[in-house]
Amino acid sequence: MDLVVRQHENERSRVVVIGRRIDDGTQCTVVASHERTGHWAIYPHGWGKFGVRLPQAEALTVAQAIIAAHQ
C-alpha cells in the first residue's frame, strides 16, 4: 500500500497508519493531519475521502484517552 501523499500547504504535520475496517476487516489507511489552524483533520478511510476536523482540545481528548487506556 502506498502511503506517500503530497503535503498540503495548510498542514503542519501528518501521521499515517494502517488499520482494519470494523465492518469487513479489510486493511485501510488512516491519515491524521495537523493543520496550521491548530485543528486535526482525521481521514479514517484514507486521504481525500470522508474526514472529520477536530479542534485541538477535542484531538487532545482523544489522544489522552488512548494513552490512558495503555498505562
N, C-alpha and C. Protein backbone atom coordinates (compact mmCIF):
# COMPACT_ATOMS: atom_id res chain seq x y z
N MET A 1 0.86 -1.19 0.00
CA MET A 1 0.00 0.00 0.00
C MET A 1 0.89 1.23 0.00
N ASP A 2 0.62 2.16 -0.87
CA ASP A 2 1.42 3.38 -0.99
C ASP A 2 0.93 4.41 0.01
N LEU A 3 1.81 4.81 0.95
CA LEU A 3 1.44 5.76 1.99
C LEU A 3 1.94 7.17 1.70
N VAL A 4 2.58 7.39 0.56
CA VAL A 4 3.11 8.70 0.24
C VAL A 4 2.00 9.58 -0.32
N VAL A 5 1.76 10.68 0.35
CA VAL A 5 0.77 11.65 -0.08
C VAL A 5 1.44 13.02 0.00
N ARG A 6 1.30 13.81 -1.04
CA ARG A 6 1.90 15.14 -1.06
C ARG A 6 1.35 15.99 0.08
N GLN A 7 2.23 16.67 0.82
CA GLN A 7 1.80 17.52 1.92
C GLN A 7 1.03 18.72 1.38
N HIS A 8 -0.06 19.03 2.01
CA HIS A 8 -0.87 20.18 1.62
C HIS A 8 -0.34 21.43 2.30
N GLU A 9 -0.56 22.58 1.69
CA GLU A 9 0.04 23.82 2.21
C GLU A 9 -0.49 24.22 3.57
N ASN A 10 -1.67 23.73 3.98
CA ASN A 10 -2.21 24.11 5.28
C ASN A 10 -1.81 23.12 6.38
N GLU A 11 -0.91 22.18 6.09
CA GLU A 11 -0.51 21.18 7.07
C GLU A 11 0.76 21.57 7.82
N ARG A 12 0.76 21.28 9.11
CA ARG A 12 1.98 21.36 9.91
C ARG A 12 2.70 20.03 9.85
N SER A 13 1.93 18.97 10.04
CA SER A 13 2.50 17.62 10.04
C SER A 13 1.38 16.62 9.79
N ARG A 14 1.78 15.36 9.69
CA ARG A 14 0.80 14.32 9.40
C ARG A 14 1.32 12.99 9.93
N VAL A 15 0.39 12.13 10.32
CA VAL A 15 0.73 10.76 10.67
C VAL A 15 -0.18 9.85 9.86
N VAL A 16 0.39 8.77 9.33
CA VAL A 16 -0.35 7.81 8.53
C VAL A 16 -0.13 6.44 9.13
N VAL A 17 -1.22 5.73 9.41
CA VAL A 17 -1.13 4.38 9.97
C VAL A 17 -2.07 3.45 9.20
N ILE A 18 -1.81 2.17 9.34
CA ILE A 18 -2.65 1.15 8.70
C ILE A 18 -3.53 0.53 9.77
N GLY A 19 -4.80 0.41 9.46
CA GLY A 19 -5.75 -0.22 10.37
C GLY A 19 -6.60 -1.23 9.62
N ARG A 20 -7.63 -1.70 10.29
CA ARG A 20 -8.59 -2.63 9.68
C ARG A 20 -9.98 -2.08 9.88
N ARG A 21 -10.76 -2.14 8.84
CA ARG A 21 -12.16 -1.69 8.93
C ARG A 21 -12.93 -2.59 9.88
N ILE A 22 -13.83 -2.01 10.63
CA ILE A 22 -14.65 -2.77 11.57
C ILE A 22 -15.69 -3.60 10.85
N ASP A 23 -16.24 -3.08 9.76
CA ASP A 23 -17.34 -3.77 9.09
C ASP A 23 -16.91 -5.03 8.35
N ASP A 24 -15.75 -5.01 7.69
CA ASP A 24 -15.37 -6.18 6.91
C ASP A 24 -13.93 -6.66 7.13
N GLY A 25 -13.18 -5.98 7.97
CA GLY A 25 -11.83 -6.41 8.31
C GLY A 25 -10.77 -6.12 7.27
N THR A 26 -11.14 -5.45 6.19
CA THR A 26 -10.14 -5.14 5.17
C THR A 26 -9.20 -4.05 5.66
N GLN A 27 -7.99 -4.06 5.12
CA GLN A 27 -6.98 -3.08 5.50
C GLN A 27 -7.34 -1.71 4.96
N CYS A 28 -7.07 -0.68 5.75
CA CYS A 28 -7.31 0.68 5.30
C CYS A 28 -6.26 1.62 5.91
N THR A 29 -6.11 2.77 5.28
CA THR A 29 -5.17 3.77 5.73
C THR A 29 -5.91 4.83 6.54
N VAL A 30 -5.35 5.22 7.68
CA VAL A 30 -5.90 6.30 8.50
C VAL A 30 -4.88 7.44 8.46
N VAL A 31 -5.35 8.62 8.08
CA VAL A 31 -4.48 9.79 7.99
C VAL A 31 -4.94 10.81 9.02
N ALA A 32 -4.01 11.32 9.83
CA ALA A 32 -4.29 12.40 10.77
C ALA A 32 -3.38 13.56 10.40
N SER A 33 -3.97 14.67 10.00
CA SER A 33 -3.23 15.82 9.52
C SER A 33 -3.37 16.98 10.51
N HIS A 34 -2.24 17.46 11.03
CA HIS A 34 -2.25 18.61 11.93
C HIS A 34 -2.19 19.87 11.07
N GLU A 35 -3.26 20.63 11.07
CA GLU A 35 -3.37 21.79 10.20
C GLU A 35 -2.77 23.03 10.86
N ARG A 36 -2.40 23.98 10.07
CA ARG A 36 -1.81 25.23 10.58
C ARG A 36 -2.77 26.00 11.47
N THR A 37 -4.05 25.74 11.34
CA THR A 37 -5.06 26.40 12.19
C THR A 37 -5.06 25.83 13.61
N GLY A 38 -4.36 24.70 13.81
CA GLY A 38 -4.37 24.03 15.11
C GLY A 38 -5.33 22.85 15.14
N HIS A 39 -6.25 22.78 14.19
CA HIS A 39 -7.17 21.66 14.11
C HIS A 39 -6.44 20.40 13.63
N TRP A 40 -7.06 19.26 13.89
CA TRP A 40 -6.60 17.99 13.36
C TRP A 40 -7.67 17.48 12.41
N ALA A 41 -7.28 17.10 11.21
CA ALA A 41 -8.20 16.50 10.25
C ALA A 41 -7.90 15.00 10.23
N ILE A 42 -8.91 14.21 10.52
CA ILE A 42 -8.76 12.76 10.58
C ILE A 42 -9.52 12.16 9.40
N TYR A 43 -8.81 11.37 8.60
CA TYR A 43 -9.39 10.69 7.45
C TYR A 43 -9.33 9.19 7.72
N PRO A 44 -10.40 8.60 8.26
CA PRO A 44 -10.35 7.20 8.68
C PRO A 44 -10.34 6.19 7.53
N HIS A 45 -10.58 6.62 6.32
CA HIS A 45 -10.58 5.69 5.18
C HIS A 45 -9.61 6.12 4.10
N GLY A 46 -8.61 6.89 4.48
CA GLY A 46 -7.60 7.34 3.52
C GLY A 46 -7.81 8.78 3.11
N TRP A 47 -6.77 9.35 2.57
CA TRP A 47 -6.75 10.76 2.18
C TRP A 47 -7.78 11.03 1.10
N GLY A 48 -8.47 12.14 1.23
CA GLY A 48 -9.40 12.57 0.20
C GLY A 48 -10.79 11.98 0.32
N LYS A 49 -10.98 11.07 1.25
CA LYS A 49 -12.31 10.51 1.48
C LYS A 49 -12.91 11.23 2.68
N PHE A 50 -14.07 10.79 3.12
CA PHE A 50 -14.76 11.42 4.24
C PHE A 50 -13.80 11.63 5.41
N GLY A 51 -13.79 12.83 5.95
CA GLY A 51 -12.91 13.15 7.07
C GLY A 51 -13.65 13.90 8.16
N VAL A 52 -12.98 14.05 9.29
CA VAL A 52 -13.53 14.76 10.44
C VAL A 52 -12.48 15.77 10.90
N ARG A 53 -12.87 17.02 11.08
CA ARG A 53 -11.94 18.05 11.56
C ARG A 53 -12.23 18.26 13.05
N LEU A 54 -11.21 18.08 13.87
CA LEU A 54 -11.34 18.25 15.32
C LEU A 54 -10.58 19.48 15.78
N PRO A 55 -11.22 20.31 16.62
CA PRO A 55 -10.46 21.39 17.26
C PRO A 55 -9.36 20.76 18.12
N GLN A 56 -8.32 21.52 18.40
CA GLN A 56 -7.18 20.99 19.14
C GLN A 56 -7.60 20.36 20.47
N ALA A 57 -8.50 20.99 21.21
CA ALA A 57 -8.92 20.45 22.51
C ALA A 57 -9.57 19.07 22.36
N GLU A 58 -10.37 18.88 21.32
CA GLU A 58 -11.03 17.59 21.10
C GLU A 58 -10.01 16.53 20.67
N ALA A 59 -9.04 16.93 19.85
CA ALA A 59 -8.00 16.00 19.44
C ALA A 59 -7.18 15.55 20.65
N LEU A 60 -6.90 16.47 21.56
CA LEU A 60 -6.18 16.12 22.78
C LEU A 60 -6.99 15.18 23.66
N THR A 61 -8.28 15.37 23.73
CA THR A 61 -9.15 14.47 24.49
C THR A 61 -9.04 13.04 23.96
N VAL A 62 -9.10 12.89 22.64
CA VAL A 62 -8.97 11.56 22.02
C VAL A 62 -7.60 10.96 22.31
N ALA A 63 -6.55 11.73 22.10
CA ALA A 63 -5.19 11.25 22.32
C ALA A 63 -4.97 10.84 23.78
N GLN A 64 -5.44 11.64 24.71
CA GLN A 64 -5.27 11.33 26.14
C GLN A 64 -6.03 10.08 26.53
N ALA A 65 -7.21 9.87 25.96
CA ALA A 65 -7.98 8.67 26.26
C ALA A 65 -7.26 7.42 25.76
N ILE A 66 -6.66 7.49 24.57
CA ILE A 66 -5.92 6.37 24.02
C ILE A 66 -4.71 6.07 24.89
N ILE A 67 -3.96 7.09 25.27
CA ILE A 67 -2.78 6.89 26.10
C ILE A 67 -3.16 6.35 27.48
N ALA A 68 -4.19 6.90 28.08
CA ALA A 68 -4.62 6.46 29.42
C ALA A 68 -5.02 4.99 29.43
N ALA A 69 -5.60 4.52 28.37
CA ALA A 69 -6.04 3.12 28.29
C ALA A 69 -4.86 2.16 28.25
N HIS A 70 -3.66 2.66 27.98
CA HIS A 70 -2.49 1.79 27.84
C HIS A 70 -1.46 2.03 28.93
N GLN A 71 -1.84 2.68 30.00
CA GLN A 71 -0.90 2.92 31.10
C GLN A 71 -1.22 2.04 32.27
